């Protein structure tokens, strides 16, 4: 499914380049490259975050006592 999306996005970038919208085409290609790079990086483990010691984004949202 991702491969089909990237293929379609590249077609949109090529279409925009042919229409003379080079900056938009380059921006789309850049976003595609960033998404592909993010997809190949190993993901952080999806371990549950204990609410007694929140980390990351949860640290600002929760307080435990």
Protein backbone atom coordinates (compact mmCIF):
# COMPACT_ATOMS: atom_id res chain seq x y z
CA UNK A 1 0.00 0.00 0.00
CA UNK A 2 2.81 2.44 0.85
CA UNK A 3 4.55 1.72 -2.43
CA UNK A 4 1.40 2.59 -4.36
CA UNK A 5 1.06 5.85 -2.44
CA UNK A 6 4.67 6.82 -3.12
CA UNK A 7 4.24 5.96 -6.80
CA UNK A 8 1.14 8.11 -7.05
CA UNK A 9 2.82 10.97 -5.19
CA UNK A 10 5.78 10.82 -7.59
CA UNK A 11 3.34 10.97 -10.52
CA UNK A 12 1.76 14.08 -9.01
CA UNK A 13 5.23 15.62 -8.61
CA UNK A 14 6.06 14.82 -12.26
CA UNK A 15 2.74 16.28 -13.40
CA UNK A 16 3.38 19.49 -11.49
CA UNK A 17 6.92 19.72 -12.90
CA UNK A 18 5.56 19.40 -16.45
CA UNK A 19 3.10 22.21 -15.74
CA UNK A 20 5.97 24.46 -14.73
CA UNK A 21 5.46 24.21 -10.97
CA UNK A 22 9.03 23.19 -10.21
CA UNK A 23 9.05 24.40 -6.61
CA UNK A 24 5.89 22.42 -5.78
CA UNK A 25 7.26 19.34 -7.53
CA UNK A 26 10.51 19.56 -5.58
CA UNK A 27 8.60 20.01 -2.33
CA UNK A 28 6.52 16.89 -3.04
CA UNK A 29 9.68 14.90 -3.87
CA UNK A 30 11.30 16.11 -0.67
CA UNK A 31 8.29 15.01 1.40
CA UNK A 32 8.35 11.62 -0.30
CA UNK A 33 12.06 11.21 0.48
CA UNK A 34 11.47 12.16 4.13
CA UNK A 35 8.59 9.68 4.41
CA UNK A 36 10.66 6.89 2.85
CA UNK A 37 13.55 7.62 5.22
CA UNK A 38 11.21 7.58 8.21
CA UNK A 39 9.71 4.27 7.07
CA UNK A 40 13.14 2.59 6.96
CA UNK A 41 14.23 3.75 10.43
CA UNK A 42 13.62 1.28 13.23
CA UNK A 43 10.66 2.33 15.30
CA UNK A 44 10.76 2.79 19.01
CA UNK A 45 9.29 -0.06 20.94
CA UNK A 46 5.61 0.35 21.68
CA UNK A 47 5.92 -0.50 25.35
CA UNK A 48 3.26 0.94 27.63
CA UNK A 49 4.28 4.06 29.54
CA UNK A 50 3.70 3.69 33.26
CA UNK A 51 1.57 6.62 34.43
CA UNK A 52 3.43 6.80 37.73
CA UNK A 53 6.57 7.92 35.82
CA UNK A 54 5.32 9.47 32.56
CA UNK A 55 7.87 10.15 29.83
CA UNK A 56 7.88 12.17 26.64
CA UNK A 57 4.63 13.85 25.66
CA UNK A 58 2.78 12.28 28.59
CA UNK A 59 5.06 13.99 31.10
CA UNK A 60 3.42 17.34 30.43
CA UNK A 61 -0.10 15.95 30.48
CA UNK A 62 -0.18 13.75 33.57
CA UNK A 63 0.88 14.06 37.16
CA UNK A 64 0.89 11.13 39.51
CA UNK A 65 1.03 11.17 43.27
